[in-house]
Amino acid sequence: MNGIMFTEPLFNAVIKGRKTQTRRIIKAEFTAIHNENTSVMQLKTKDGKYINPRYKFGSTAYLQEPFVRKFAHHRDDSSMIGYKYDGYEIDEKYSLDLKWRNKLFMPAKYARYFIEITGVKVERLQNISDEDCLREGISQEWWVGEPWSAAFYVVRDMSCEFSKTPQDAYAALIDKINGKGTWDRNPYVWVYDFKLTK
């Protein structure tokens, strides 16, 4: 089973049901082949090999998060695991054994949350719709005052500025996650729809 990582605010959006879609940049060089009958896009490398998505339709992935073993001698007991995104605190300065483990190395046996992939497609990053921006975790917030009110779009708990459109908010988010200029480069991305499972 593959793991999948999100920043802490987006992790929280997933487990609260506010985020049900994610985009992952396709880094390999490829040629896009459009199937006229199904409108599905396939990707082929220069040597003719197909590029497949990491997460397949119908598969389950576990959410990776920073963790710590509360006691060194309870290595395989998941009840003895502390999770940083839960607010569990350790003082690494004064503890030799208690160190946060990078979420990249979190094994599936310690996972608390799982998602099922319900859709996979390929598109250019800037082709994201307003509706998909909201599925990506962008929230609509309202400012009400005299003599007018306005909608702004943000990612909760993330230091993104208020944006006038969902796309502007998503552009700021993707640049924070993948580096400045990502939105402007407009790369191809895998688009994964998912639902939280037990």
Protein backbone atom coordinates (compact mmCIF):
# COMPACT_ATOMS: atom_id res chain seq x y z
CA MET A 1 0.00 0.00 0.00
CA ASN A 2 1.30 3.45 -0.92
CA GLY A 3 1.42 6.34 1.49
CA ILE A 4 0.51 9.92 0.60
CA MET A 5 1.71 13.12 2.25
CA PHE A 6 0.12 16.51 2.77
CA THR A 7 1.19 19.62 4.64
CA GLU A 8 -0.36 19.80 8.11
CA PRO A 9 -3.19 22.22 7.14
CA LEU A 10 -4.10 20.08 4.12
CA PHE A 11 -3.82 16.87 6.18
CA ASN A 12 -6.36 18.38 8.57
CA ALA A 13 -8.57 19.41 5.64
CA VAL A 14 -8.53 15.79 4.39
CA ILE A 15 -9.51 14.24 7.72
CA LYS A 16 -12.26 16.85 8.19
CA GLY A 17 -13.66 16.23 4.70
CA ARG A 18 -12.83 19.68 3.30
CA LYS A 19 -10.24 18.32 0.84
CA THR A 20 -11.21 15.54 -1.57
CA GLN A 21 -8.82 16.12 -4.45
CA THR A 22 -5.07 16.51 -4.92
CA ARG A 23 -2.74 17.32 -7.79
CA ARG A 24 0.73 15.83 -8.14
CA ILE A 25 3.22 17.22 -10.67
CA ILE A 26 4.40 14.83 -13.38
CA LYS A 27 8.16 15.28 -13.43
CA ALA A 28 9.14 12.83 -16.19
CA GLU A 29 9.45 14.00 -19.80
CA PHE A 30 6.68 12.59 -21.94
CA THR A 31 4.42 12.97 -24.94
CA ALA A 32 0.72 13.29 -24.26
CA ILE A 33 -1.50 11.07 -26.39
CA HIS A 34 -5.20 11.95 -26.51
CA ASN A 35 -7.70 9.15 -27.05
CA GLU A 36 -10.49 10.70 -29.14
CA ASN A 37 -13.05 8.05 -28.16
CA THR A 38 -12.72 8.36 -24.37
CA SER A 39 -11.09 11.79 -23.92
CA VAL A 40 -8.49 10.01 -21.75
CA MET A 41 -4.94 11.21 -21.97
CA GLN A 42 -2.09 8.70 -21.89
CA LEU A 43 1.54 9.61 -21.33
CA LYS A 44 4.50 8.04 -23.11
CA THR A 45 8.22 8.59 -22.55
CA LYS A 46 10.64 9.07 -25.45
CA ASP A 47 11.47 5.35 -25.41
CA GLY A 48 7.78 4.45 -25.78
CA LYS A 49 7.00 3.41 -22.21
CA TYR A 50 3.73 4.47 -20.63
CA ILE A 51 3.81 6.59 -17.47
CA ASN A 52 1.34 5.33 -14.91
CA PRO A 53 -0.04 7.23 -11.93
CA ARG A 54 1.34 6.36 -8.50
CA TYR A 55 -2.19 5.93 -7.15
CA LYS A 56 -4.59 3.82 -9.21
CA PHE A 57 -8.37 4.12 -9.39
CA GLY A 58 -9.93 2.08 -6.57
CA SER A 59 -6.69 1.75 -4.59
CA THR A 60 -6.23 2.76 -0.96
CA ALA A 61 -3.44 4.99 0.33
CA TYR A 62 -2.55 5.79 3.91
CA LEU A 63 -1.92 9.33 5.15
CA GLN A 64 1.65 9.80 6.30
CA GLU A 65 2.36 12.14 9.21
CA PRO A 66 5.26 12.86 11.58
CA PHE A 67 5.28 10.34 14.44
CA VAL A 68 7.26 9.31 17.49
CA ARG A 69 7.53 6.06 19.42
CA LYS A 70 6.61 7.00 22.98
CA PHE A 71 8.76 4.23 24.41
CA ALA A 72 11.66 2.61 22.58
CA HIS A 73 10.75 -0.94 23.74
CA HIS A 74 7.21 -0.74 22.23
CA ARG A 75 8.31 -0.57 18.59
CA ASP A 76 5.41 -2.53 17.07
CA ASP A 77 2.56 -1.34 19.27
CA SER A 78 0.64 1.39 17.42
CA SER A 79 -0.98 2.53 20.68
CA MET A 80 2.48 3.63 21.76
CA ILE A 81 2.82 6.07 18.85
CA GLY A 82 2.46 9.84 19.22
CA TYR A 83 1.40 11.99 16.27
CA LYS A 84 2.66 15.52 15.73
CA TYR A 85 -0.47 16.64 13.87
CA ASP A 86 -2.50 15.60 16.92
CA GLY A 87 -0.64 18.08 19.08
CA TYR A 88 1.42 15.42 20.85
CA GLU A 89 4.47 17.17 22.29
CA ILE A 90 7.98 15.97 23.02
CA ASP A 91 11.04 17.86 24.16
CA GLU A 92 13.72 16.62 21.77
CA LYS A 93 16.31 18.74 23.55
CA TYR A 94 16.11 16.69 26.76
CA SER A 95 15.20 13.29 25.38
CA LEU A 96 17.62 10.87 23.75
CA ASP A 97 14.98 8.37 22.60
CA LEU A 98 12.04 10.59 21.66
CA LYS A 99 12.59 12.15 18.25
CA TRP A 100 10.06 13.07 15.60
CA ARG A 101 10.27 10.69 12.66
CA ASN A 102 9.93 12.18 9.19
CA LYS A 103 6.49 11.46 7.72
CA LEU A 104 8.25 10.22 4.57
CA PHE A 105 9.32 7.14 6.54
CA MET A 106 6.03 6.44 8.30
CA PRO A 107 5.07 2.78 7.80
CA ALA A 108 1.50 1.78 6.98
CA LYS A 109 1.15 -0.10 10.28
CA TYR A 110 1.16 3.23 12.18
CA ALA A 111 -1.36 4.94 9.90
CA ARG A 112 -4.60 6.30 11.38
CA TYR A 113 -6.26 7.57 8.21
CA PHE A 114 -6.78 6.09 4.76
CA ILE A 115 -8.18 7.39 1.48
CA GLU A 116 -9.68 5.55 -1.47
CA ILE A 117 -8.84 6.88 -4.94
CA THR A 118 -12.13 7.51 -6.75
CA GLY A 119 -10.82 9.21 -9.91
CA VAL A 120 -7.58 9.75 -11.82
CA LYS A 121 -6.92 12.06 -14.76
CA VAL A 122 -4.20 14.20 -16.33
CA GLU A 123 -4.44 17.91 -17.02
CA ARG A 124 -2.45 21.11 -17.06
CA LEU A 125 -2.19 22.75 -13.64
CA GLN A 126 -3.89 25.99 -14.74
CA ASN A 127 -6.89 24.08 -16.12
CA ILE A 128 -8.20 23.65 -12.57
CA SER A 129 -11.82 24.77 -12.22
CA ASP A 130 -13.18 26.90 -9.39
CA GLU A 131 -15.06 23.84 -8.11
CA ASP A 132 -11.87 21.77 -8.09
CA CYS A 133 -10.04 24.54 -6.21
CA LEU A 134 -12.60 24.08 -3.43
CA ARG A 135 -12.10 20.29 -3.56
CA GLU A 136 -8.36 20.97 -3.15
CA GLY A 137 -9.03 22.54 0.25
CA ILE A 138 -9.53 26.18 -0.67
CA SER A 139 -12.20 27.72 1.58
CA GLN A 140 -14.57 30.57 0.86
CA GLU A 141 -14.56 33.09 3.68
CA TRP A 142 -16.74 36.19 3.98
CA TRP A 143 -15.89 39.66 5.12
CA VAL A 144 -18.99 41.61 6.01
CA GLY A 145 -18.85 45.31 6.64
CA GLU A 146 -20.31 48.61 5.64
CA PRO A 147 -21.23 49.32 2.94
CA TRP A 148 -20.41 46.01 1.25
CA SER A 149 -19.45 42.37 1.76
CA ALA A 150 -17.03 40.25 -0.21
CA ALA A 151 -15.94 36.64 -0.61
CA PHE A 152 -12.30 35.75 -0.27
CA TYR A 153 -10.58 32.43 -0.75
CA VAL A 154 -7.94 30.96 1.54
CA VAL A 155 -6.46 27.72 2.81
CA ARG A 156 -7.40 27.50 6.49
CA ASP A 157 -4.49 27.42 8.93
CA MET A 158 -2.00 28.28 6.20
CA SER A 159 -0.33 31.64 5.79
CA CYS A 160 -1.78 32.38 2.35
CA GLU A 161 -3.11 35.84 1.62
CA PHE A 162 -6.77 36.36 0.95
CA SER A 163 -7.50 35.95 -2.75
CA LYS A 164 -10.34 37.25 -4.89
CA THR A 165 -10.85 34.00 -6.80
CA PRO A 166 -10.46 30.30 -5.96
CA GLN A 167 -7.80 29.99 -8.70
CA ASP A 168 -5.73 32.82 -7.23
CA ALA A 169 -5.83 31.12 -3.83
CA TYR A 170 -4.87 27.77 -5.35
CA ALA A 171 -2.02 29.36 -7.33
CA ALA A 172 -0.61 30.80 -4.08
CA LEU A 173 -1.00 27.41 -2.38
CA ILE A 174 0.74 25.40 -5.11
CA ASP A 175 3.62 27.90 -5.16
CA LYS A 176 4.00 27.52 -1.38
CA ILE A 177 4.08 23.72 -1.65
CA ASN A 178 6.16 23.21 -4.81
CA GLY A 179 8.15 26.44 -5.03
CA LYS A 180 7.63 29.88 -6.49
CA GLY A 181 6.79 29.86 -10.19
CA THR A 182 5.08 26.45 -10.20
CA TRP A 183 1.72 27.94 -11.20
CA ASP A 184 3.31 30.02 -13.98
CA ARG A 185 5.16 26.97 -15.38
CA ASN A 186 1.77 25.25 -15.77
CA PRO A 187 3.06 21.66 -15.65
CA TYR A 188 1.02 18.55 -16.35
CA VAL A 189 -0.36 17.02 -13.17
CA TRP A 190 -2.06 13.85 -12.04
CA VAL A 191 -5.44 14.78 -10.57
CA TYR A 192 -6.64 12.37 -7.89
CA ASP A 193 -10.16 12.42 -6.48
CA PHE A 194 -10.49 10.56 -3.21
CA LYS A 195 -12.66 9.89 -0.21
CA LEU A 196 -11.67 9.27 3.38
CA THR A 197 -12.22 5.66 4.46
CA LYS A 198 -12.06 3.84 7.80
